[in-house]
Protein backbone atom coordinates (compact mmCIF):
# COMPACT_ATOMS: atom_id res chain seq x y z
CA MET A 1 41.15 13.93 -42.94
CA PRO A 2 43.15 16.11 -40.88
CA ALA A 3 39.93 16.15 -38.46
CA ALA A 4 39.91 12.34 -38.07
CA ARG A 5 43.51 12.22 -37.15
CA ALA A 6 42.99 14.74 -34.72
CA TRP A 7 40.23 13.01 -33.39
CA LEU A 8 41.97 9.52 -33.29
CA ALA A 9 44.79 11.39 -31.64
CA VAL A 10 42.98 12.83 -28.93
CA ALA A 11 41.21 9.41 -28.31
CA ALA A 12 44.69 7.58 -28.32
CA GLY A 13 46.03 10.29 -26.00
CA GLY A 14 42.98 10.32 -23.55
CA LEU A 15 43.40 6.52 -23.27
CA LEU A 16 46.85 6.84 -22.41
CA GLY A 17 46.41 9.56 -19.98
CA THR A 18 43.64 7.85 -18.25
CA GLU A 19 45.95 4.57 -17.80
CA LEU A 20 48.47 6.50 -16.66
CA ARG A 21 46.30 8.42 -13.71
CA TYR A 22 44.98 4.98 -12.90
CA GLY A 23 48.19 3.24 -12.70
CA LEU A 24 49.76 5.91 -10.57
CA GLY A 25 46.79 5.96 -8.19
CA LEU A 26 47.43 2.27 -7.53
CA ALA A 27 50.89 2.66 -7.27
CA PHE A 28 50.55 5.42 -4.54
CA PRO A 29 47.44 4.97 -2.97
CA ASP A 30 46.10 7.67 -0.48
CA LEU A 31 46.20 6.86 3.19
CA PRO A 32 42.53 7.94 4.77
CA GLY A 33 42.72 11.25 6.33
CA SER A 34 45.31 12.46 4.62
CA LEU A 35 46.03 14.70 1.37
CA PRO A 36 45.55 13.17 -1.90
CA TRP A 37 49.03 13.15 -2.68
CA ALA A 38 49.02 11.08 -5.93
CA THR A 39 46.28 13.01 -7.36
CA LEU A 40 48.11 16.40 -6.33
CA TRP A 41 51.18 15.54 -7.96
CA ILE A 42 49.73 14.07 -11.09
CA ASN A 43 48.16 17.42 -11.76
CA VAL A 44 51.09 19.45 -10.47
CA GLY A 45 53.17 17.48 -13.06
CA GLY A 46 50.67 17.72 -15.79
CA SER A 47 50.22 21.43 -15.44
CA PHE A 48 54.14 21.99 -15.86
CA VAL A 49 54.36 19.68 -19.06
CA LEU A 50 51.21 21.05 -20.42
CA ALA A 51 52.68 24.86 -19.91
CA LEU A 52 56.14 23.77 -21.38
CA LEU A 53 54.59 21.95 -24.40
CA THR A 54 52.16 24.86 -25.22
CA THR A 55 54.84 27.29 -24.96
CA VAL A 56 57.03 25.49 -27.31
CA TRP A 57 54.47 24.94 -29.77
CA MET A 58 53.89 28.75 -29.52
CA ALA A 59 57.58 29.23 -30.85
CA ARG A 60 57.24 26.43 -33.33
CA PRO A 61 53.50 26.88 -34.81
CA HIS A 62 54.45 24.57 -37.65
CA THR A 63 53.95 21.63 -34.96
CA ALA A 64 51.39 19.14 -36.66
CA PHE A 65 47.77 19.86 -35.29
CA TRP A 66 47.19 16.23 -34.36
CA LEU A 67 50.19 15.73 -32.38
CA ARG A 68 49.29 19.16 -30.34
CA ALA A 69 45.62 17.75 -29.95
CA GLY A 70 46.84 14.37 -28.92
CA LEU A 71 49.23 15.30 -26.34
CA GLY A 72 47.46 18.44 -24.87
CA PRO A 73 43.59 17.91 -24.52
CA GLY A 74 44.01 14.03 -25.02
CA LEU A 75 47.05 12.75 -22.89
CA LEU A 76 47.41 15.65 -20.56
CA GLY A 77 43.63 16.41 -20.45
CA SER A 78 42.64 13.10 -19.25
CA PHE A 79 46.00 12.69 -17.01
CA THR A 80 45.19 16.00 -15.11
CA THR A 81 41.43 16.32 -14.26
CA PHE A 82 39.79 18.99 -12.14
CA SER A 83 36.98 15.95 -11.41
CA ALA A 84 39.65 14.12 -9.49
CA VAL A 85 40.69 17.18 -7.44
CA VAL A 86 36.52 17.75 -6.67
CA PHE A 87 36.25 14.07 -6.04
CA ALA A 88 39.00 14.25 -3.37
CA VAL A 89 37.65 17.35 -1.95
CA ASP A 90 34.16 15.90 -1.61
CA GLN A 91 35.38 12.83 0.02
CA LEU A 92 37.52 14.59 2.50
CA ALA A 93 34.47 17.09 3.35
CA ARG A 94 32.04 14.16 4.10
CA ALA A 95 34.68 12.58 6.21
CA GLY A 96 34.79 15.94 8.27
CA TRP A 97 38.08 16.71 7.41
CA HIS A 98 37.75 20.05 6.57
CA PHE A 99 41.45 21.81 7.48
CA ILE A 100 42.63 18.88 5.05
CA TRP A 101 40.24 19.54 2.24
CA VAL A 102 41.05 23.36 2.41
CA ALA A 103 44.92 22.85 2.60
CA TYR A 104 44.45 20.58 -0.60
CA LEU A 105 42.54 23.10 -2.53
CA VAL A 106 45.14 25.84 -1.74
CA LEU A 107 48.02 23.65 -2.44
CA SER A 108 46.44 22.44 -5.74
CA LEU A 109 45.88 25.91 -6.85
CA LEU A 110 49.27 27.29 -5.65
CA LEU A 111 51.42 24.37 -6.86
CA GLY A 112 49.54 24.02 -10.20
CA LEU A 113 50.08 27.88 -10.99
CA ALA A 114 53.89 27.68 -9.74
CA ALA A 115 54.38 24.43 -12.20
CA ALA A 116 52.43 26.07 -15.02
CA GLY A 117 54.87 29.09 -14.64
CA ALA A 118 57.75 26.72 -14.42
CA GLY A 119 56.74 25.15 -17.48
CA TRP A 120 56.18 28.45 -19.39
CA ARG A 121 59.47 29.39 -18.58
CA SER A 122 61.10 26.18 -19.41
CA GLY A 123 59.19 26.00 -22.87
CA ARG A 124 60.71 29.55 -23.64
CA VAL A 125 64.06 28.14 -23.16
CA VAL A 126 63.59 25.03 -25.05
CA GLY A 127 61.67 26.64 -27.73
CA ARG A 128 64.67 29.39 -28.39
CA ARG A 129 67.09 26.41 -28.39
CA LEU A 130 65.20 24.57 -30.85
CA ASN A 131 64.56 27.62 -33.27
CA GLY A 132 68.24 28.34 -32.72
CA ARG A 133 69.10 24.80 -33.91
CA ASP A 134 66.93 25.25 -36.72
CA ALA A 135 68.34 28.88 -37.65
CA GLY A 136 71.91 27.38 -37.43
CA LEU A 137 70.83 24.36 -39.65
CA GLY A 138 69.48 26.67 -42.34
CA ALA A 139 72.77 28.77 -42.43
CA ARG A 140 74.68 25.60 -43.04
CA LEU A 141 72.46 24.24 -45.98
């Protein structure tokens, strides 16, 4: 039954992540001829959160698989999508805004990697604190 629970968690997370992305796209629409800022910041923020969670889960491997699957590939996988980047680049290239699509690709790569690095560092801190809290509880019990 764990496989069914994980599948349901991925499906529910995917639905939520997709709706979050769509809602942010409506709240912050892109202006013609400009960088697709909403997609950029969604992907950068998602890269940070995914790296943070993955690093915490490495420090706490007993985290339930269905929860990791629902939040990682489900929620964040649907929230941050490479297809949105490719679609934005295609639209900018077709419009002849070559400098903008190249800048967007470079920014997406650099900011995404920087966010993932920051998420990893933050996850290490959070993981240590959570493990320290567990160790303190064990000593008191």
